[in-house]
C-alpha atoms as a PDB file:
ATOM      1  CA  MET A   1     -42.066  40.284 -21.012  1.00  0.00           C
ATOM      2  CA  LYS A   2     -45.142  37.991 -21.115  1.00  0.00           C
ATOM      3  CA  GLY A   3     -48.592  38.576 -19.791  1.00  0.00           C
ATOM      4  CA  TYR A   4     -51.234  40.937 -20.443  1.00  0.00           C
ATOM      5  CA  TRP A   5     -53.049  42.028 -17.024  1.00  0.00           C
ATOM      6  CA  ARG A   6     -49.969  41.679 -15.008  1.00  0.00           C
ATOM      7  CA  GLY A   7     -46.643  42.967 -16.090  1.00  0.00           C
ATOM      8  CA  PRO A   8     -47.234  45.987 -18.099  1.00  0.00           C
ATOM      9  CA  VAL A   9     -47.850  49.459 -16.588  1.00  0.00           C
ATOM     10  CA  TRP A  10     -51.407  50.497 -16.797  1.00  0.00           C
ATOM     11  CA  LEU A  11     -52.167  54.190 -16.241  1.00  0.00           C
ATOM     12  CA  ASP A  12     -55.478  53.579 -14.318  1.00  0.00           C
ATOM     13  CA  GLN A  13     -53.759  51.521 -11.885  1.00  0.00           C
ATOM     14  CA  PHE A  14     -50.684  53.631 -11.705  1.00  0.00           C
ATOM     15  CA  ALA A  15     -53.139  56.640 -10.637  1.00  0.00           C
ATOM     16  CA  PHE A  16     -54.866  54.845  -8.097  1.00  0.00           C
ATOM     17  CA  GLY A  17     -51.421  53.642  -6.739  1.00  0.00           C
ATOM     18  CA  THR A  18     -49.978  57.320  -6.627  1.00  0.00           C
ATOM     19  CA  GLU A  19     -53.064  58.565  -4.743  1.00  0.00           C
ATOM     20  CA  GLY A  20     -53.003  56.006  -2.282  1.00  0.00           C
ATOM     21  CA  LEU A  21     -49.406  56.979  -1.650  1.00  0.00           C
ATOM     22  CA  ARG A  22     -50.214  60.409  -1.075  1.00  0.00           C
ATOM     23  CA  ARG A  23     -53.232  59.715   1.027  1.00  0.00           C
ATOM     24  CA  TYR A  24     -50.681  57.655   3.361  1.00  0.00           C
ATOM     25  CA  GLY A  25     -48.268  60.250   3.423  1.00  0.00           C
ATOM     26  CA  TYR A  26     -45.795  59.430   0.931  1.00  0.00           C
ATOM     27  CA  GLY A  27     -46.429  62.484  -1.191  1.00  0.00           C
ATOM     28  CA  LYS A  28     -42.978  62.780  -2.329  1.00  0.00           C
ATOM     29  CA  LEU A  29     -42.573  59.244  -3.471  1.00  0.00           C
ATOM     30  CA  ALA A  30     -45.716  59.552  -5.625  1.00  0.00           C
ATOM     31  CA  ALA A  31     -44.492  62.826  -7.275  1.00  0.00           C
ATOM     32  CA  ALA A  32     -41.096  60.867  -8.131  1.00  0.00           C
ATOM     33  CA  LEU A  33     -43.063  57.964  -9.561  1.00  0.00           C
ATOM     34  CA  GLU A  34     -45.038  60.344 -11.770  1.00  0.00           C
ATOM     35  CA  ALA A  35     -42.184  62.149 -13.085  1.00  0.00           C
ATOM     36  CA  LYS A  36     -40.508  59.036 -13.884  1.00  0.00           C
ATOM     37  CA  LEU A  37     -43.721  57.665 -15.805  1.00  0.00           C
ATOM     38  CA  LEU A  38     -43.947  60.963 -17.818  1.00  0.00           C
ATOM     39  CA  ALA A  39     -40.252  61.063 -18.699  1.00  0.00           C
ATOM     40  CA  ASN A  40     -39.950  57.307 -19.790  1.00  0.00           C
ATOM     41  CA  ALA A  41     -43.263  56.063 -21.218  1.00  0.00           C
ATOM     42  CA  GLU A  42     -43.406  56.302 -25.048  1.00  0.00           C
ATOM     43  CA  GLY A  43     -45.606  59.285 -26.160  1.00  0.00           C
ATOM     44  CA  LEU A  44     -46.942  60.720 -22.830  1.00  0.00           C
ATOM     45  CA  THR A  45     -45.546  64.128 -23.349  1.00  0.00           C
ATOM     46  CA  GLY A  46     -45.178  64.265 -27.049  1.00  0.00           C
ATOM     47  CA  ASN A  47     -47.577  64.336 -29.809  1.00  0.00           C
ATOM     48  CA  GLN A  48     -47.816  60.666 -30.082  1.00  0.00           C
ATOM     49  CA  PRO A  49     -50.715  57.975 -29.638  1.00  0.00           C
ATOM     50  CA  ILE A  50     -51.434  57.200 -26.233  1.00  0.00           C
ATOM     51  CA  TYR A  51     -51.215  53.145 -25.590  1.00  0.00           C
ATOM     52  CA  GLU A  52     -53.229  50.674 -23.678  1.00  0.00           C
ATOM     53  CA  ASN A  53     -50.333  49.979 -21.243  1.00  0.00           C
ATOM     54  CA  TYR A  54     -46.649  50.232 -21.109  1.00  0.00           C
ATOM     55  CA  HIS A  55     -43.425  48.210 -20.733  1.00  0.00           C
ATOM     56  CA  PRO A  56     -42.193  48.470 -17.188  1.00  0.00           C
ATOM     57  CA  LEU A  57     -38.434  48.447 -18.056  1.00  0.00           C
ATOM     58  CA  THR A  58     -38.213  50.167 -21.581  1.00  0.00           C
ATOM     59  CA  GLY A  59     -41.524  52.384 -21.597  1.00  0.00           C
ATOM     60  CA  LYS A  60     -42.629  51.089 -24.846  1.00  0.00           C
ATOM     61  CA  GLY A  61     -46.313  51.586 -25.675  1.00  0.00           C
ATOM     62  CA  LEU A  62     -48.101  48.306 -25.819  1.00  0.00           C
ATOM     63  CA  ASN A  63     -51.358  46.787 -27.400  1.00  0.00           C
ATOM     64  CA  ALA A  64     -53.876  49.214 -28.481  1.00  0.00           C
ATOM     65  CA  ARG A  65     -53.204  52.598 -29.768  1.00  0.00           C
ATOM     66  CA  ASN A  66     -55.288  55.842 -28.844  1.00  0.00           C
ATOM     67  CA  PHE A  67     -56.519  53.973 -25.934  1.00  0.00           C
ATOM     68  CA  SER A  68     -59.313  56.427 -24.244  1.00  0.00           C
ATOM     69  CA  TRP A  69     -58.984  54.526 -20.929  1.00  0.00           C
ATOM     70  CA  SER A  70     -55.256  55.623 -20.613  1.00  0.00           C
ATOM     71  CA  ALA A  71     -56.066  58.988 -21.963  1.00  0.00           C
ATOM     72  CA  ALA A  72     -58.543  59.611 -19.167  1.00  0.00           C
ATOM     73  CA  HIS A  73     -56.156  58.535 -16.405  1.00  0.00           C
ATOM     74  CA  LEU A  74     -53.366  60.478 -17.885  1.00  0.00           C
ATOM     75  CA  LEU A  75     -55.196  63.560 -17.459  1.00  0.00           C
ATOM     76  CA  MET A  76     -55.909  62.617 -13.757  1.00  0.00           C
ATOM     77  CA  ILE A  77     -52.281  61.997 -13.325  1.00  0.00           C
ATOM     78  CA  LEU A  78     -51.249  65.329 -14.614  1.00  0.00           C
ATOM     79  CA  LYS A  79     -54.044  67.207 -12.712  1.00  0.00           C
ATOM     80  CA  THR A  80     -53.203  65.581  -9.605  1.00  0.00           C
ATOM     81  CA  SER A  81     -49.586  66.043  -9.879  1.00  0.00           C
ATOM     82  CA  ASN A  82     -49.888  69.692 -10.877  1.00  0.00           C
ATOM     83  CA  GLU A  83     -52.450  70.605  -8.147  1.00  0.00           C
ATOM     84  CA  HIS A  84     -49.695  69.004  -5.536  1.00  0.00           C
ATOM     85  CA  ALA A  85     -46.999  70.765  -7.012  1.00  0.00           C
ATOM     86  CA  ILE A  86     -48.704  74.230  -6.716  1.00  0.00           C
ATOM     87  CA  HIS A  87     -49.940  73.350  -2.876  1.00  0.00           C
ATOM     88  CA  SER A  88     -46.327  72.407  -2.078  1.00  0.00           C
ATOM     89  CA  LYS A  89     -45.139  75.806  -3.719  1.00  0.00           C
ATOM     90  CA  ARG A  90     -47.521  77.801  -1.996  1.00  0.00           C
ATOM     91  CA  SER A  91     -47.205  76.119   1.564  1.00  0.00           C
ATOM     92  CA  ALA A  92     -43.433  77.020   1.118  1.00  0.00           C
ATOM     93  CA  ALA A  93     -44.124  80.489   0.283  1.00  0.00           C
ATOM     94  CA  ALA A  94     -46.697  81.219   2.846  1.00  0.00           C
ATOM     95  CA  GLY A  95     -44.710  79.537   5.765  1.00  0.00           C
ATOM     96  CA  THR A  96     -45.540  77.084   8.738  1.00  0.00           C
ATOM     97  CA  GLU A  97     -44.401  77.583  12.143  1.00  0.00           C
ATOM     98  CA  LYS A  98     -44.481  75.162  14.943  1.00  0.00           C
ATOM     99  CA  LEU A  99     -45.845  76.752  18.122  1.00  0.00           C
ATOM    100  CA  PRO A 100     -44.607  76.403  21.676  1.00  0.00           C
ATOM    101  CA  ALA A 101     -46.912  76.095  24.812  1.00  0.00           C
ATOM    102  CA  CYS A 102     -48.864  79.494  24.999  1.00  0.00           C
ATOM    103  CA  GLY A 103     -51.552  80.759  22.840  1.00  0.00           C
ATOM    104  CA  GLY A 104     -51.882  84.260  21.185  1.00  0.00           C
ATOM    105  CA  SER A 105     -49.017  86.059  19.301  1.00  0.00           C
ATOM    106  CA  GLY A 106     -46.900  83.255  17.830  1.00  0.00           C
ATOM    107  CA  ASN A 107     -47.587  80.743  20.661  1.00  0.00           C
ATOM    108  CA  ALA A 108     -50.231  77.759  21.073  1.00  0.00           C
ATOM    109  CA  SER A 109     -49.022  74.355  21.634  1.00  0.00           C
ATOM    110  CA  GLY A 110     -51.066  71.845  23.098  1.00  0.00           C
ATOM    111  CA  TYR A 111     -49.787  68.851  25.312  1.00  0.00           C
ATOM    112  CA  ASP A 112     -51.541  66.264  23.584  1.00  0.00           C
ATOM    113  CA  GLU A 113     -51.372  67.229  19.963  1.00  0.00           C
ATOM    114  CA  TYR A 114     -49.221  69.260  17.505  1.00  0.00           C
ATOM    115  CA  ASN A 115     -50.184  72.749  16.696  1.00  0.00           C
ATOM    116  CA  TYR A 116     -48.793  75.058  14.013  1.00  0.00           C
ATOM    117  CA  LYS A 117     -49.112  78.655  12.920  1.00  0.00           C
ATOM    118  CA  LEU A 118     -49.924  78.918   9.180  1.00  0.00           C
ATOM    119  CA  THR A 119     -49.713  82.272   7.221  1.00  0.00           C
ATOM    120  CA  ASP A 120     -50.948  82.370   3.827  1.00  0.00           C
ATOM    121  CA  ALA A 121     -49.667  84.445   0.953  1.00  0.00           C
ATOM    122  CA  SER A 122     -51.996  87.409   1.702  1.00  0.00           C
ATOM    123  CA  GLY A 123     -50.825  87.397   5.557  1.00  0.00           C
ATOM    124  CA  ARG A 124     -53.900  85.842   7.009  1.00  0.00           C
ATOM    125  CA  LYS A 125     -52.897  83.447  10.127  1.00  0.00           C
ATOM    126  CA  PHE A 126     -54.599  80.140  11.019  1.00  0.00           C
ATOM    127  CA  ILE A 127     -53.830  77.202  13.389  1.00  0.00           C
ATOM    128  CA  LEU A 128     -53.408  73.955  11.909  1.00  0.00           C
ATOM    129  CA  LYS A 129     -53.889  71.099  14.773  1.00  0.00           C
ATOM    130  CA  ILE A 130     -52.729  67.625  14.249  1.00  0.00           C
ATOM    131  CA  THR A 131     -54.112  64.720  16.521  1.00  0.00           C
ATOM    132  CA  GLY A 132     -53.019  61.279  16.865  1.00  0.00           C
ATOM    133  CA  GLU A 133     -55.269  58.059  16.863  1.00  0.00           C
ATOM    134  CA  GLU A 134     -55.040  58.247  20.705  1.00  0.00           C
ATOM    135  CA  LYS A 135     -57.912  60.952  20.687  1.00  0.00           C
ATOM    136  CA  PRO A 136     -61.045  59.434  19.555  1.00  0.00           C
ATOM    137  CA  TYR A 137     -63.239  60.784  17.060  1.00  0.00           C
ATOM    138  CA  SER A 138     -65.998  61.653  19.681  1.00  0.00           C
ATOM    139  CA  PHE A 139     -63.526  63.857  21.622  1.00  0.00           C
ATOM    140  CA  LEU A 140     -62.550  65.956  18.531  1.00  0.00           C
ATOM    141  CA  ASP A 141     -66.125  66.154  17.236  1.00  0.00           C
ATOM    142  CA  ALA A 142     -67.211  67.520  20.807  1.00  0.00           C
ATOM    143  CA  GLN A 143     -64.769  70.429  20.390  1.00  0.00           C
ATOM    144  CA  LEU A 144     -66.070  71.096  16.933  1.00  0.00           C
ATOM    145  CA  ARG A 145     -69.546  70.995  17.868  1.00  0.00           C
ATOM    146  CA  LEU A 146     -68.907  73.387  20.942  1.00  0.00           C
ATOM    147  CA  LEU A 147     -67.247  75.691  18.549  1.00  0.00           C
ATOM    148  CA  ASP A 148     -70.372  75.635  16.197  1.00  0.00           C
ATOM    149  CA  HIS A 149     -72.652  76.252  19.289  1.00  0.00           C
ATOM    150  CA  LEU A 150     -70.794  79.190  20.433  1.00  0.00           C
ATOM    151  CA  THR A 151     -70.974  81.032  16.889  1.00  0.00           C
ATOM    152  CA  VAL A 152     -74.635  82.221  17.735  1.00  0.00           C
ATOM    153  CA  SER A 153     -73.390  83.371  21.023  1.00  0.00           C
ATOM    154  CA  PRO A 154     -72.537  86.558  22.765  1.00  0.00           C
ATOM    155  CA  VAL A 155     -68.880  85.448  22.999  1.00  0.00           C
ATOM    156  CA  ALA A 156     -68.623  84.017  19.584  1.00  0.00           C
ATOM    157  CA  TRP A 157     -65.875  86.222  18.202  1.00  0.00           C
ATOM    158  CA  LYS A 158     -63.535  85.403  21.176  1.00  0.00           C
ATOM    159  CA  PHE A 159     -63.513  81.880  20.044  1.00  0.00           C
ATOM    160  CA  GLN A 160     -61.908  80.193  17.127  1.00  0.00           C
ATOM    161  CA  GLN A 161     -63.750  79.412  13.852  1.00  0.00           C
ATOM    162  CA  ILE A 162     -63.848  76.146  11.935  1.00  0.00           C
ATOM    163  CA  LEU A 163     -62.446  76.232   8.506  1.00  0.00           C
ATOM    164  CA  ARG A 164     -63.571  73.016   6.357  1.00  0.00           C
ATOM    165  CA  ASN A 165     -61.634  71.338   3.536  1.00  0.00           C
ATOM    166  CA  LYS A 166     -62.616  71.151  -0.266  1.00  0.00           C
ATOM    167  CA  ASN A 167     -64.720  68.178   0.726  1.00  0.00           C
ATOM    168  CA  ARG A 168     -66.550  70.449   3.267  1.00  0.00           C
ATOM    169  CA  GLN A 169     -65.270  68.171   6.152  1.00  0.00           C
ATOM    170  CA  GLU A 170     -64.284  69.903   9.310  1.00  0.00           C
ATOM    171  CA  LEU A 171     -61.700  66.980  10.174  1.00  0.00           C
ATOM    172  CA  THR A 172     -59.097  65.759   7.460  1.00  0.00           C
ATOM    173  CA  PRO A 173     -57.792  62.129   8.101  1.00  0.00           C
ATOM    174  CA  VAL A 174     -54.021  61.803   6.959  1.00  0.00           C
ATOM    175  CA  PHE A 175     -52.157  58.978   7.031  1.00  0.00           C
ATOM    176  CA  ASN A 176     -48.415  58.575   7.683  1.00  0.00           C
ATOM    177  CA  ASN A 177     -46.280  55.501   7.940  1.00  0.00           C
ATOM    178  CA  GLY A 178     -49.415  53.366   8.867  1.00  0.00           C
ATOM    179  CA  LYS A 179     -50.743  55.580  11.480  1.00  0.00           C
ATOM    180  CA  GLN A 180     -53.625  58.081  11.006  1.00  0.00           C
ATOM    181  CA  TYR A 181     -54.146  61.618  12.070  1.00  0.00           C
ATOM    182  CA  ASN A 182     -56.914  63.920  12.165  1.00  0.00           C
ATOM    183  CA  VAL A 183     -56.123  67.386  10.953  1.00  0.00           C
ATOM    184  CA  ARG A 184     -58.303  70.464  11.336  1.00  0.00           C
ATOM    185  CA  ILE A 185     -57.816  74.213  10.672  1.00  0.00           C
ATOM    186  CA  LEU A 186     -59.025  77.047  12.741  1.00  0.00           C
ATOM    187  CA  THR A 187     -58.896  80.724  12.724  1.00  0.00           C
ATOM    188  CA  TRP A 188     -56.311  82.771  14.531  1.00  0.00           C
ATOM    189  CA  LEU A 189     -56.904  84.697  17.605  1.00  0.00           C
ATOM    190  CA  ASP A 190     -54.674  87.682  18.284  1.00  0.00           C
ATOM    191  CA  GLY A 191     -53.553  88.442  21.838  1.00  0.00           C
ATOM    192  CA  ASP A 192     -50.679  87.779  24.514  1.00  0.00           C
ATOM    193  CA  CYS A 193     -51.083  84.863  27.267  1.00  0.00           C
ATOM    194  CA  TRP A 194     -52.651  86.280  30.527  1.00  0.00           C
ATOM    195  CA  VAL A 195     -49.387  85.204  32.200  1.00  0.00           C
ATOM    196  CA  HIS A 196     -47.266  87.638  29.950  1.00  0.00           C
ATOM    197  CA  VAL A 197     -49.343  90.538  30.483  1.00  0.00           C
ATOM    198  CA  LYS A 198     -47.883  92.698  33.085  1.00  0.00           C
ATOM    199  CA  ASP A 199     -50.185  95.180  33.736  1.00  0.00           C
ATOM    200  CA  LYS A 200     -53.404  94.072  35.088  1.00  0.00           C
ATOM    201  CA  PRO A 201     -56.015  96.592  36.043  1.00  0.00           C
ATOM    202  CA  LYS A 202     -59.221  95.959  38.046  1.00  0.00           C
ATOM    203  CA  SER A 203     -61.249  96.268  34.927  1.00  0.00           C
ATOM    204  CA  LEU A 204     -59.410  93.354  33.086  1.00  0.00           C
ATOM    205  CA  TYR A 205     -60.435  91.091  35.984  1.00  0.00           C
ATOM    206  CA  THR A 206     -63.941  92.249  35.703  1.00  0.00           C
ATOM    207  CA  GLY A 207     -63.931  91.855  32.011  1.00  0.00           C
ATOM    208  CA  LEU A 208     -62.558  88.314  32.643  1.00  0.00           C
ATOM    209  CA  GLY A 209     -65.221  87.320  34.929  1.00  0.00           C
ATOM    210  CA  HIS A 210     -68.153  88.690  32.903  1.00  0.00           C
ATOM    211  CA  PHE A 211     -66.670  86.939  29.462  1.00  0.00           C
ATOM    212  CA  LEU A 212     -66.469  83.572  31.461  1.00  0.00           C
ATOM    213  CA  GLY A 213     -69.725  83.791  32.761  1.00  0.00           C
ATOM    214  CA  LYS A 214     -71.179  84.660  29.625  1.00  0.00           C
ATOM    215  CA  THR A 215     -69.387  81.553  28.072  1.00  0.00           C
ATOM    216  CA  ASP A 216     -70.886  79.384  30.768  1.00  0.00           C
ATOM    217  CA  GLU A 217     -74.356  80.853  30.489  1.00  0.00           C
ATOM    218  CA  SER A 218     -74.228  80.052  26.426  1.00  0.00           C
ATOM    219  CA  LEU A 219     -73.332  76.535  27.133  1.00  0.00           C
ATOM    220  CA  GLN A 220     -76.370  75.736  29.279  1.00  0.00           C
ATOM    221  CA  ASP A 221     -78.268  73.610  26.609  1.00  0.00           C
ATOM    222  CA  PHE A 222     -75.067  72.085  24.832  1.00  0.00           C
ATOM    223  CA  GLN A 223     -75.148  68.520  24.855  1.00  0.00           C
ATOM    224  CA  HIS A 224     -72.707  65.865  23.405  1.00  0.00           C
ATOM    225  CA  ASP A 225     -72.078  62.309  24.170  1.00  0.00           C
ATOM    226  CA  ALA A 226     -68.470  62.830  24.885  1.00  0.00           C
ATOM    227  CA  LEU A 227     -69.628  65.048  27.759  1.00  0.00           C
ATOM    228  CA  HIS A 228     -70.206  61.723  29.576  1.00  0.00           C
ATOM    229  CA  ARG A 229     -67.173  59.822  29.224  1.00  0.00           C
ATOM    230  CA  PRO A 230     -64.986  58.943  32.405  1.00  0.00           C
ATOM    231  CA  TYR A 231     -62.850  62.100  33.278  1.00  0.00           C
ATOM    232  CA  VAL A 232     -60.468  62.199  36.188  1.00  0.00           C
ATOM    233  CA  TRP A 233     -61.176  65.940  36.770  1.00  0.00           C
ATOM    234  CA  ASP A 234     -64.994  65.300  36.905  1.00  0.00           C
ATOM    235  CA  VAL A 235     -66.401  66.729  40.265  1.00  0.00           C
ATOM    236  CA  ASN A 236     -68.674  63.510  40.526  1.00  0.00           C
ATOM    237  CA  THR A 237     -65.714  61.437  40.843  1.00  0.00           C
ATOM    238  CA  ALA A 238     -63.655  63.656  43.100  1.00  0.00           C
ATOM    239  CA  ALA A 239     -63.874  60.965  46.152  1.00  0.00           C
ATOM    240  CA  ASP A 240     -62.139  58.519  43.683  1.00  0.00           C
ATOM    241  CA  ALA A 241     -58.889  60.700  44.907  1.00  0.00           C
ATOM    242  CA  ASN A 242     -59.087  58.916  48.373  1.00  0.00           C
ATOM    243  CA  ARG A 243     -57.294  56.163  46.482  1.00  0.00           C
ATOM    244  CA  LEU A 244     -54.122  58.125  45.874  1.00  0.00           C
ATOM    245  CA  LEU A 245     -53.804  59.454  49.553  1.00  0.00           C
ATOM    246  CA  HIS A 246     -50.955  57.014  50.309  1.00  0.00           C
ATOM    247  CA  CYS A 247     -48.895  58.998  47.720  1.00  0.00           C
ATOM    248  CA  ILE A 248     -48.537  61.939  50.128  1.00  0.00           C
ATOM    249  CA  THR A 249     -45.636  61.147  52.293  1.00  0.00           C
ATOM    250  CA  ASP A 250     -45.968  63.729  54.738  1.00  0.00           C
ATOM    251  CA  PRO A 251     -48.314  62.557  57.472  1.00  0.00           C
ATOM    252  CA  GLU A 252     -49.752  66.157  58.179  1.00  0.00           C
ATOM    253  CA  LYS A 253     -50.587  66.879  54.542  1.00  0.00           C
ATOM    254  CA  ARG A 254     -52.077  63.475  54.144  1.00  0.00           C
ATOM    255  CA  ARG A 255     -54.462  63.980  57.130  1.00  0.00           C
ATOM    256  CA  LEU A 256     -55.425  67.386  55.627  1.00  0.00           C
ATOM    257  CA  ALA A 257     -56.236  65.971  52.210  1.00  0.00           C
ATOM    258  CA  GLY A 258     -58.219  63.245  53.805  1.00  0.00           C
ATOM    259  CA  TYR A 259     -60.222  65.678  55.825  1.00  0.00           C
ATOM    260  CA  PHE A 260     -61.431  67.660  52.946  1.00  0.00           C
ATOM    261  CA  LEU A 261     -62.162  64.641  50.956  1.00  0.00           C
ATOM    262  CA  LEU A 262     -64.296  63.325  53.812  1.00  0.00           C
ATOM    263  CA  ALA A 263     -65.933  66.787  53.989  1.00  0.00           C
ATOM    264  CA  PHE A 264     -66.739  66.584  50.280  1.00  0.00           C
ATOM    265  CA  GLU A 265     -68.206  62.991  50.841  1.00  0.00           C
ATOM    266  CA  THR A 266     -70.434  64.037  53.674  1.00  0.00           C
ATOM    267  CA  GLU A 267     -71.380  67.740  52.636  1.00  0.00           C
ATOM    268  CA  VAL A 268     -71.388  67.736  48.821  1.00  0.00           C
ATOM    269  CA  LEU A 269     -71.952  64.339  47.487  1.00  0.00           C
ATOM    270  CA  PRO A 270     -75.204  63.771  49.099  1.00  0.00           C
ATOM    271  CA  VAL A 271     -76.650  67.021  47.152  1.00  0.00           C
ATOM    272  CA  LEU A 272     -74.686  66.923  43.920  1.00  0.00           C
ATOM    273  CA  THR A 273     -77.376  65.166  42.059  1.00  0.00           C
ATOM    274  CA  SER A 274     -79.744  67.936  42.708  1.00  0.00           C
ATOM    275  CA  LEU A 275     -77.526  70.679  41.169  1.00  0.00           C
ATOM    276  CA  ARG A 276     -77.957  71.567  37.564  1.00  0.00           C
ATOM    277  CA  HIS A 277     -75.350  69.898  35.341  1.00  0.00           C
ATOM    278  CA  ALA A 278     -73.775  71.285  32.128  1.00  0.00           C
ATOM    279  CA  CYS A 279     -70.656  71.947  30.287  1.00  0.00           C
ATOM    280  CA  ILE A 280     -68.740  74.641  31.526  1.00  0.00           C
ATOM    281  CA  HIS A 281     -65.355  76.232  31.104  1.00  0.00           C
ATOM    282  CA  ASN A 282     -62.824  74.678  33.686  1.00  0.00           C
ATOM    283  CA  ASP A 283     -59.508  75.648  32.229  1.00  0.00           C
ATOM    284  CA  ALA A 284     -59.334  79.454  31.859  1.00  0.00           C
ATOM    285  CA  ASN A 285     -55.737  79.366  33.161  1.00  0.00           C
ATOM    286  CA  ASP A 286     -52.898  81.887  32.561  1.00  0.00           C
ATOM    287  CA  TYR A 287     -51.936  80.431  29.233  1.00  0.00           C
ATOM    288  CA  ASN A 288     -55.374  79.962  27.575  1.00  0.00           C
ATOM    289  CA  VAL A 289     -56.764  83.325  28.198  1.00  0.00           C
ATOM    290  CA  LEU A 290     -55.525  86.005  25.589  1.00  0.00           C
ATOM    291  CA  VAL A 291     -55.326  89.640  26.145  1.00  0.00           C
ATOM    292  CA  LYS A 292     -55.054  92.449  23.673  1.00  0.00           C
ATOM    293  CA  GLN A 293     -55.265  96.084  24.300  1.00  0.00           C
ATOM    294  CA  GLY A 294     -56.379  95.743  27.899  1.00  0.00           C
ATOM    295  CA  GLU A 295     -59.277  93.467  27.239  1.00  0.00           C
ATOM    296  CA  VAL A 296     -59.921  89.663  27.032  1.00  0.00           C
ATOM    297  CA  SER A 297     -59.537  88.869  23.328  1.00  0.00           C
ATOM    298  CA  GLY A 298     -59.793  85.226  23.187  1.00  0.00           C
ATOM    299  CA  LEU A 299     -59.799  82.016  24.799  1.00  0.00           C
ATOM    300  CA  ILE A 300     -58.028  78.693  23.611  1.00  0.00           C
ATOM    301  CA  ASP A 301     -57.370  75.078  24.168  1.00  0.00           C
ATOM    302  CA  LEU A 302     -60.746  73.157  24.174  1.00  0.00           C
ATOM    303  CA  GLY A 303     -59.090  70.051  25.297  1.00  0.00           C
ATOM    304  CA  ILE A 304     -60.231  69.935  28.898  1.00  0.00           C
ATOM    305  CA  TRP A 305     -63.275  72.083  29.448  1.00  0.00           C
ATOM    306  CA  CYS A 306     -65.623  70.850  26.590  1.00  0.00           C
ATOM    307  CA  ILE A 307     -65.385  67.384  27.634  1.00  0.00           C
ATOM    308  CA  PRO A 308     -66.239  66.819  31.532  1.00  0.00           C
ATOM    309  CA  ARG A 309     -69.774  66.465  32.845  1.00  0.00           C
ATOM    310  CA  TRP A 310     -69.663  68.885  35.544  1.00  0.00           C
ATOM    311  CA  SER A 311     -72.038  69.986  38.192  1.00  0.00           C
ATOM    312  CA  THR A 312     -72.788  73.566  38.896  1.00  0.00           C
ATOM    313  CA  THR A 313     -75.253  76.090  40.023  1.00  0.00           C
ATOM    314  CA  TRP A 314     -74.969  78.920  37.495  1.00  0.00           C
ATOM    315  CA  PRO A 315     -72.490  81.615  38.800  1.00  0.00           C
ATOM    316  CA  SER A 316     -72.873  85.189  37.738  1.00  0.00           C
ATOM    317  CA  ALA A 317     -69.244  85.358  36.989  1.00  0.00           C
ATOM    318  CA  ALA A 318     -66.972  82.060  36.393  1.00  0.00           C
ATOM    319  CA  PRO A 319     -63.869  81.721  38.474  1.00  0.00           C
ATOM    320  CA  MET A 320     -60.659  83.639  37.178  1.00  0.00           C
ATOM    321  CA  PRO A 321     -57.032  82.479  36.447  1.00  0.00           C
ATOM    322  CA  CYS A 322     -54.671  82.603  39.509  1.00  0.00           C
END
């Protein structure tokens, strides 16, 4: 083998390479390369000098002996390899469960992201949410800022809390096969979906209305740039539905839809700008409201209601699920 900078295996470059593989989702390959290096490079696991670099085929130590540069990076390789091995064992022992399409006891899947239920060794439960590149950062940041905003509200305990990673970040970028995903972990909310609760006394409906009213009231002063993005369900743009009237094939139903759109344009649109504007909860449907022991225990899925710029006069109680 010829060459000094090119050809030999340098431990610093090796360490950077395996860290890059992990960040792009190739953790198993990184672990395999580390095991191969430690098993074949001369003296790395025994009581021998650590060399400046190593032969790529035979593993023989090359050039300077007792090389501190290599020794420092060997410690980094061993530390990283051990940390990831421990993490993999803990994850396997703790358990990860992919969730279907309803929040609460074992259910919490969204339609535009992957949700997983995590259980650690002590039995504590969390939600792991994985979102792809199609969701802009501002969209996710709005959800996180909203949860932060609600932590000092009267309804804080009925919303999830944000867990930060070891770098104190709320969103963790993860790369897999060249694609970026944003990962975040939230606390778990116990309860069953409203739709699965058979016995719904009047007090439950009253409690839900009070809770939603308090939630919307708590959001009166919440602001985020993402609230002003174009949004198909924004009441400010309801008249745009006229473009879709031709999709209603039944003439009578098309006439009825057109009548109400015309009523909106003539009665509501002229006064819309005079109403107070704020972020409100707009998706407390049967699958997002959680119930436990006859009371509303939580509200999940921030994908819709924290984003639109909505017009409202503040009601004493927000609408209830159907």
